[in-house]
Amino acid sequence: MKRLWTKPLSILAATTLVVTTNISAQEIGVTTQTRLNSTGDIVDVIKLINISGKQRMLSQRIAKDYLYIGRKVSVSKARKELDASLSALLEAHNILVKSINNPEIQNLLSFVELSIDDFKSTANEPFNLDNAQLIIDLSESMLEGSQYVVDSLKEKVTTKESTIVGTSGKQRMLAQRIAKYYIAFQAGIKDKNTVEQMKTAVKDFATAHKALMQNSVNTPEINRTLHEIDKLWKIVYKFYLNIEKGGLPLIVFNTTNEITKKMDKVTKLYVALYK
């Protein structure tokens, strides 16, 4: 297996090296503890898949929060979440830059860094439809770049473990994507693409959720958390699909955040299986 990472995630000596990194606010933070041993290569890649996968979610959450603030819905929560997400996005990006030594991915990460700067400046601009569309476009570019990193890392291990972590982590992003397009429509971006992206995100989440619930490696805690999500999902997905009707922005904000939180827990539990 070809190495992608440099010193922060490499075996420097025969002794075990432990690297602990805490990324920003608790509700969106990534905590990784990389213990390098005989299976260190795979363990490291799975950790990086989780971190880069979290970037996908943050790209959607930042745009969503900007739109919620602009619509003056749950402004205090959205502002706090937006600030924490921007900080977490940059901190996680710095970890990826220091940990991955593949030239192609490094080039992509350089582009992502430019997008982060644009993201930060636009997120602090006054709300209007032009800025709303710009931040949605930036979130799509960030998502595409982060997904590319995830896919590149998965190719280097091609294990069931990396696929599970990638799929579980993607659910965090899809939940925030649903909220982003829901509020985008209410904010005035009422084109066909907004509706289609919302419906596709709902469909993709449902398909992956079913697959994860049937996963043979699930621990009792993973199953318990997935069943909690399942009970909520069976009720709220219909609200999401009523994007054109609208009228439930607070419910969408709170339920998608709850799903994201629970899916983050599930993803960390999957990561922990492969230490």
Protein backbone atom coordinates (compact mmCIF):
# COMPACT_ATOMS: atom_id res chain seq x y z
CA MET A 1 0.00 0.00 0.00
CA LYS A 2 1.40 3.39 -1.02
CA ARG A 3 1.99 5.84 1.81
CA LEU A 4 0.10 9.13 1.62
CA TRP A 5 1.09 10.75 4.90
CA THR A 6 4.14 12.38 6.39
CA LYS A 7 5.55 12.55 9.90
CA PRO A 8 2.42 13.39 11.88
CA LEU A 9 1.04 9.97 10.96
CA SER A 10 4.10 7.89 10.23
CA ILE A 11 6.11 5.36 12.20
CA LEU A 12 9.13 7.26 13.45
CA ALA A 13 10.58 4.51 15.63
CA ALA A 14 9.96 1.00 16.86
CA THR A 15 8.06 2.34 19.85
CA THR A 16 4.36 3.20 19.67
CA LEU A 17 3.60 6.81 18.80
CA VAL A 18 0.35 8.40 19.93
CA VAL A 19 -0.89 11.60 18.26
CA THR A 20 -3.96 13.25 19.78
CA THR A 21 -5.72 16.12 18.01
CA ASN A 22 -8.81 17.97 19.23
CA ILE A 23 -10.66 19.94 16.58
CA SER A 24 -12.64 22.94 17.84
CA ALA A 25 -16.13 22.96 19.31
CA GLN A 26 -17.46 19.84 20.99
CA GLU A 27 -20.62 19.51 18.92
CA ILE A 28 -18.68 19.46 15.66
CA GLY A 29 -15.22 18.48 16.89
CA VAL A 30 -13.17 15.58 15.64
CA THR A 31 -10.97 13.87 18.19
CA THR A 32 -8.43 11.49 16.74
CA GLN A 33 -6.01 9.33 18.64
CA THR A 34 -3.74 7.53 16.22
CA ARG A 35 -1.95 4.57 17.74
CA LEU A 36 0.59 3.25 15.31
CA ASN A 37 1.21 -0.47 15.44
CA SER A 38 1.40 -3.39 13.04
CA THR A 39 -1.84 -2.23 11.39
CA GLY A 40 -0.92 1.44 11.63
CA ASP A 41 -1.18 2.13 7.91
CA ILE A 42 -4.86 1.17 7.66
CA VAL A 43 -5.69 2.76 11.00
CA ASP A 44 -4.15 6.06 9.90
CA VAL A 45 -6.02 6.13 6.60
CA ILE A 46 -9.34 5.41 8.32
CA LYS A 47 -8.67 8.30 10.72
CA LEU A 48 -7.95 10.62 7.81
CA ILE A 49 -11.09 9.44 5.98
CA ASN A 50 -13.10 10.47 9.02
CA ILE A 51 -11.44 13.89 9.20
CA SER A 52 -11.77 14.64 5.48
CA GLY A 53 -15.30 13.24 5.59
CA LYS A 54 -16.17 15.70 8.34
CA GLN A 55 -15.07 18.51 6.03
CA ARG A 56 -17.91 17.50 3.70
CA MET A 57 -20.41 18.08 6.49
CA LEU A 58 -18.87 21.40 7.53
CA SER A 59 -19.07 22.71 3.97
CA GLN A 60 -22.83 22.19 4.01
CA ARG A 61 -23.36 23.37 7.57
CA ILE A 62 -21.61 26.71 7.00
CA ALA A 63 -23.78 27.52 3.98
CA LYS A 64 -26.90 26.38 5.84
CA ASP A 65 -26.11 28.59 8.83
CA TYR A 66 -25.52 31.63 6.62
CA LEU A 67 -28.91 31.10 5.01
CA TYR A 68 -30.66 30.62 8.35
CA ILE A 69 -29.11 33.83 9.66
CA GLY A 70 -30.20 35.62 6.50
CA ARG A 71 -33.76 34.38 6.92
CA LYS A 72 -33.64 35.41 10.60
CA VAL A 73 -34.48 31.90 11.80
CA SER A 74 -32.68 30.49 14.86
CA VAL A 75 -30.15 33.30 14.42
CA SER A 76 -28.27 32.86 17.70
CA LYS A 77 -27.77 29.12 17.26
CA ALA A 78 -26.88 29.48 13.60
CA ARG A 79 -24.31 32.22 14.26
CA LYS A 80 -22.62 30.24 17.02
CA GLU A 81 -22.59 27.14 14.85
CA LEU A 82 -21.27 29.05 11.84
CA ASP A 83 -18.32 30.50 13.75
CA ALA A 84 -17.44 27.12 15.28
CA SER A 85 -17.74 25.40 11.89
CA LEU A 86 -15.41 27.86 10.16
CA SER A 87 -12.82 27.34 12.89
CA ALA A 88 -13.16 23.55 12.76
CA LEU A 89 -12.94 23.55 8.95
CA LEU A 90 -9.59 25.36 9.01
CA GLU A 91 -8.13 23.29 11.86
CA ALA A 92 -9.07 20.01 10.20
CA HIS A 93 -7.68 21.28 6.89
CA ASN A 94 -4.33 21.99 8.54
CA ILE A 95 -4.21 18.43 9.88
CA LEU A 96 -4.85 17.03 6.40
CA VAL A 97 -2.16 19.25 4.85
CA LYS A 98 0.40 18.09 7.41
CA SER A 99 -0.62 14.45 7.23
CA ILE A 100 -0.92 13.75 3.49
CA ASN A 101 2.10 13.72 1.21
CA ASN A 102 0.45 12.79 -2.10
CA PRO A 103 1.16 15.61 -4.66
CA GLU A 104 -2.25 15.33 -6.33
CA ILE A 105 -4.13 15.55 -3.04
CA GLN A 106 -1.85 18.34 -1.82
CA ASN A 107 -2.71 20.33 -4.94
CA LEU A 108 -6.39 19.77 -4.29
CA LEU A 109 -5.97 20.85 -0.67
CA SER A 110 -4.33 24.07 -1.87
CA PHE A 111 -7.48 24.81 -3.86
CA VAL A 112 -9.61 23.99 -0.81
CA GLU A 113 -7.59 26.47 1.22
CA LEU A 114 -8.43 29.24 -1.23
CA SER A 115 -12.08 28.24 -1.02
CA ILE A 116 -11.93 28.42 2.78
CA ASP A 117 -10.79 32.04 2.56
CA ASP A 118 -13.68 32.86 0.21
CA PHE A 119 -16.04 30.94 2.46
CA LYS A 120 -15.01 32.96 5.52
CA SER A 121 -15.32 36.32 3.82
CA THR A 122 -18.70 35.53 2.19
CA ALA A 123 -20.11 34.09 5.42
CA ASN A 124 -19.52 37.44 7.09
CA GLU A 125 -21.09 39.48 4.29
CA PRO A 126 -24.62 40.92 4.66
CA PHE A 127 -27.30 38.55 3.39
CA ASN A 128 -28.66 38.98 -0.11
CA LEU A 129 -29.57 36.55 -2.88
CA ASP A 130 -26.27 37.04 -4.71
CA ASN A 131 -24.25 36.20 -1.59
CA ALA A 132 -26.61 33.33 -0.81
CA GLN A 133 -26.00 31.81 -4.24
CA LEU A 134 -22.27 32.42 -3.92
CA ILE A 135 -22.00 30.63 -0.58
CA ILE A 136 -24.02 27.70 -1.94
CA ASP A 137 -21.65 27.50 -4.91
CA LEU A 138 -18.64 27.64 -2.58
CA SER A 139 -20.12 24.90 -0.42
CA GLU A 140 -20.50 22.72 -3.51
CA SER A 141 -16.86 23.26 -4.47
CA MET A 142 -15.74 22.49 -0.93
CA LEU A 143 -17.87 19.37 -0.90
CA GLU A 144 -16.46 18.18 -4.21
CA GLY A 145 -12.89 18.75 -3.02
CA SER A 146 -13.44 16.99 0.30
CA GLN A 147 -15.15 14.07 -1.41
CA TYR A 148 -12.16 13.75 -3.74
CA VAL A 149 -9.82 13.47 -0.74
CA VAL A 150 -12.07 10.84 0.86
CA ASP A 151 -12.22 8.80 -2.35
CA SER A 152 -8.45 9.06 -2.87
CA LEU A 153 -7.78 7.81 0.65
CA LYS A 154 -10.27 4.97 0.28
CA GLU A 155 -8.50 3.82 -2.90
CA LYS A 156 -5.30 3.31 -0.93
CA VAL A 157 -6.80 0.77 1.44
CA THR A 158 -9.85 -0.60 -0.43
CA THR A 159 -11.12 -2.30 2.70
CA LYS A 160 -14.62 -2.83 4.00
CA GLU A 161 -13.62 -0.73 6.99
CA SER A 162 -12.81 2.36 4.93
CA THR A 163 -16.07 2.00 3.01
CA ILE A 164 -18.12 1.79 6.20
CA VAL A 165 -16.45 4.84 7.75
CA GLY A 166 -16.82 6.76 4.48
CA THR A 167 -20.51 5.90 4.17
CA SER A 168 -21.32 6.62 7.80
CA GLY A 169 -19.46 9.92 7.70
CA LYS A 170 -21.27 10.95 4.54
CA GLN A 171 -24.59 10.73 6.39
CA ARG A 172 -23.48 13.70 8.51
CA MET A 173 -23.04 15.73 5.35
CA LEU A 174 -26.35 14.63 3.82
CA ALA A 175 -28.29 15.72 6.91
CA GLN A 176 -26.77 19.20 6.70
CA ARG A 177 -27.24 19.27 2.93
CA ILE A 178 -30.95 18.63 3.41
CA ALA A 179 -31.20 21.61 5.75
CA LYS A 180 -29.15 23.77 3.39
CA TYR A 181 -31.40 23.24 0.41
CA TYR A 182 -34.57 23.47 2.49
CA ILE A 183 -33.68 26.93 3.79
CA ALA A 184 -32.22 27.97 0.41
CA PHE A 185 -35.64 27.48 -1.16
CA GLN A 186 -37.27 29.50 1.64
CA ALA A 187 -34.63 32.20 1.21
CA GLY A 188 -35.67 32.75 -2.39
CA ILE A 189 -33.52 30.35 -4.42
CA LYS A 190 -36.58 28.60 -5.81
CA ASP A 191 -35.13 26.93 -8.88
CA LYS A 192 -35.54 23.34 -10.01
CA ASN A 193 -32.03 22.42 -8.93
CA THR A 194 -32.74 23.32 -5.29
CA VAL A 195 -35.69 20.94 -5.16
CA GLU A 196 -33.86 18.17 -7.01
CA GLN A 197 -30.78 18.39 -4.78
CA MET A 198 -32.98 18.20 -1.68
CA LYS A 199 -34.82 15.12 -2.92
CA THR A 200 -31.59 13.42 -4.00
CA ALA A 201 -30.04 14.03 -0.57
CA VAL A 202 -33.10 12.50 1.14
CA LYS A 203 -32.96 9.47 -1.16
CA ASP A 204 -29.20 8.99 -0.67
CA PHE A 205 -29.51 9.24 3.10
CA ALA A 206 -32.33 6.67 3.20
CA THR A 207 -30.39 4.20 1.04
CA ALA A 208 -27.19 4.47 3.09
CA HIS A 209 -29.10 4.34 6.38
CA LYS A 210 -30.71 1.05 5.42
CA ALA A 211 -27.33 -0.41 4.46
CA LEU A 212 -25.72 0.70 7.73
CA MET A 213 -28.53 -0.78 9.81
CA GLN A 214 -27.89 -4.15 8.12
CA ASN A 215 -24.12 -4.00 8.68
CA SER A 216 -22.88 -7.21 10.27
CA VAL A 217 -20.09 -5.49 12.25
CA ASN A 218 -22.44 -3.19 14.16
CA THR A 219 -21.98 -3.22 17.92
CA PRO A 220 -25.03 -2.98 20.23
CA GLU A 221 -24.26 0.72 20.75
CA ILE A 222 -24.06 1.37 17.01
CA ASN A 223 -27.34 -0.47 16.44
CA ARG A 224 -28.99 1.42 19.27
CA THR A 225 -27.96 4.80 17.85
CA LEU A 226 -28.95 3.87 14.29
CA HIS A 227 -32.38 2.78 15.56
CA GLU A 228 -32.77 6.15 17.32
CA ILE A 229 -32.05 7.85 14.00
CA ASP A 230 -34.43 5.50 12.22
CA LYS A 231 -37.34 6.43 14.51
CA LEU A 232 -36.71 10.14 13.90
CA TRP A 233 -36.04 9.76 10.17
CA LYS A 234 -39.33 7.93 9.50
CA ILE A 235 -41.17 10.99 10.77
CA VAL A 236 -39.13 13.94 9.55
CA TYR A 237 -38.08 12.93 6.02
CA LYS A 238 -41.61 13.78 4.83
CA PHE A 239 -41.15 17.32 6.16
CA TYR A 240 -37.95 17.64 4.18
CA LEU A 241 -39.61 16.52 0.96
CA ASN A 242 -42.22 19.25 1.41
CA ILE A 243 -39.55 21.79 0.56
CA GLU A 244 -41.84 23.73 -1.77
CA LYS A 245 -44.51 24.04 0.91
CA GLY A 246 -42.03 25.16 3.55
CA GLY A 247 -43.13 26.49 6.92
CA LEU A 248 -40.99 24.23 9.14
CA PRO A 249 -37.49 25.77 9.18
CA LEU A 250 -36.96 25.33 12.93
CA ILE A 251 -37.98 21.67 12.82
CA VAL A 252 -35.64 21.11 9.88
CA PHE A 253 -32.77 22.93 11.62
CA ASN A 254 -33.12 20.99 14.87
CA THR A 255 -33.81 17.52 13.45
CA THR A 256 -31.02 17.61 10.89
CA ASN A 257 -28.62 18.73 13.61
CA GLU A 258 -29.77 15.87 15.82
CA ILE A 259 -29.25 13.37 13.01
CA THR A 260 -25.81 14.83 12.27
CA LYS A 261 -24.83 14.55 15.93
CA LYS A 262 -25.94 10.92 16.15
CA MET A 263 -24.28 10.00 12.86
CA ASP A 264 -21.05 11.59 14.08
CA LYS A 265 -21.26 9.32 17.12
CA VAL A 266 -21.85 6.28 14.90
CA THR A 267 -18.91 7.19 12.66
CA LYS A 268 -16.58 7.53 15.64
CA LEU A 269 -17.76 4.14 16.89
CA TYR A 270 -16.95 2.60 13.51
CA VAL A 271 -13.51 4.25 13.56
CA ALA A 272 -12.92 2.86 17.07
CA LEU A 273 -13.52 -0.69 15.82
CA TYR A 274 -10.35 -0.53 13.74
CA LYS A 275 -7.84 0.87 16.22
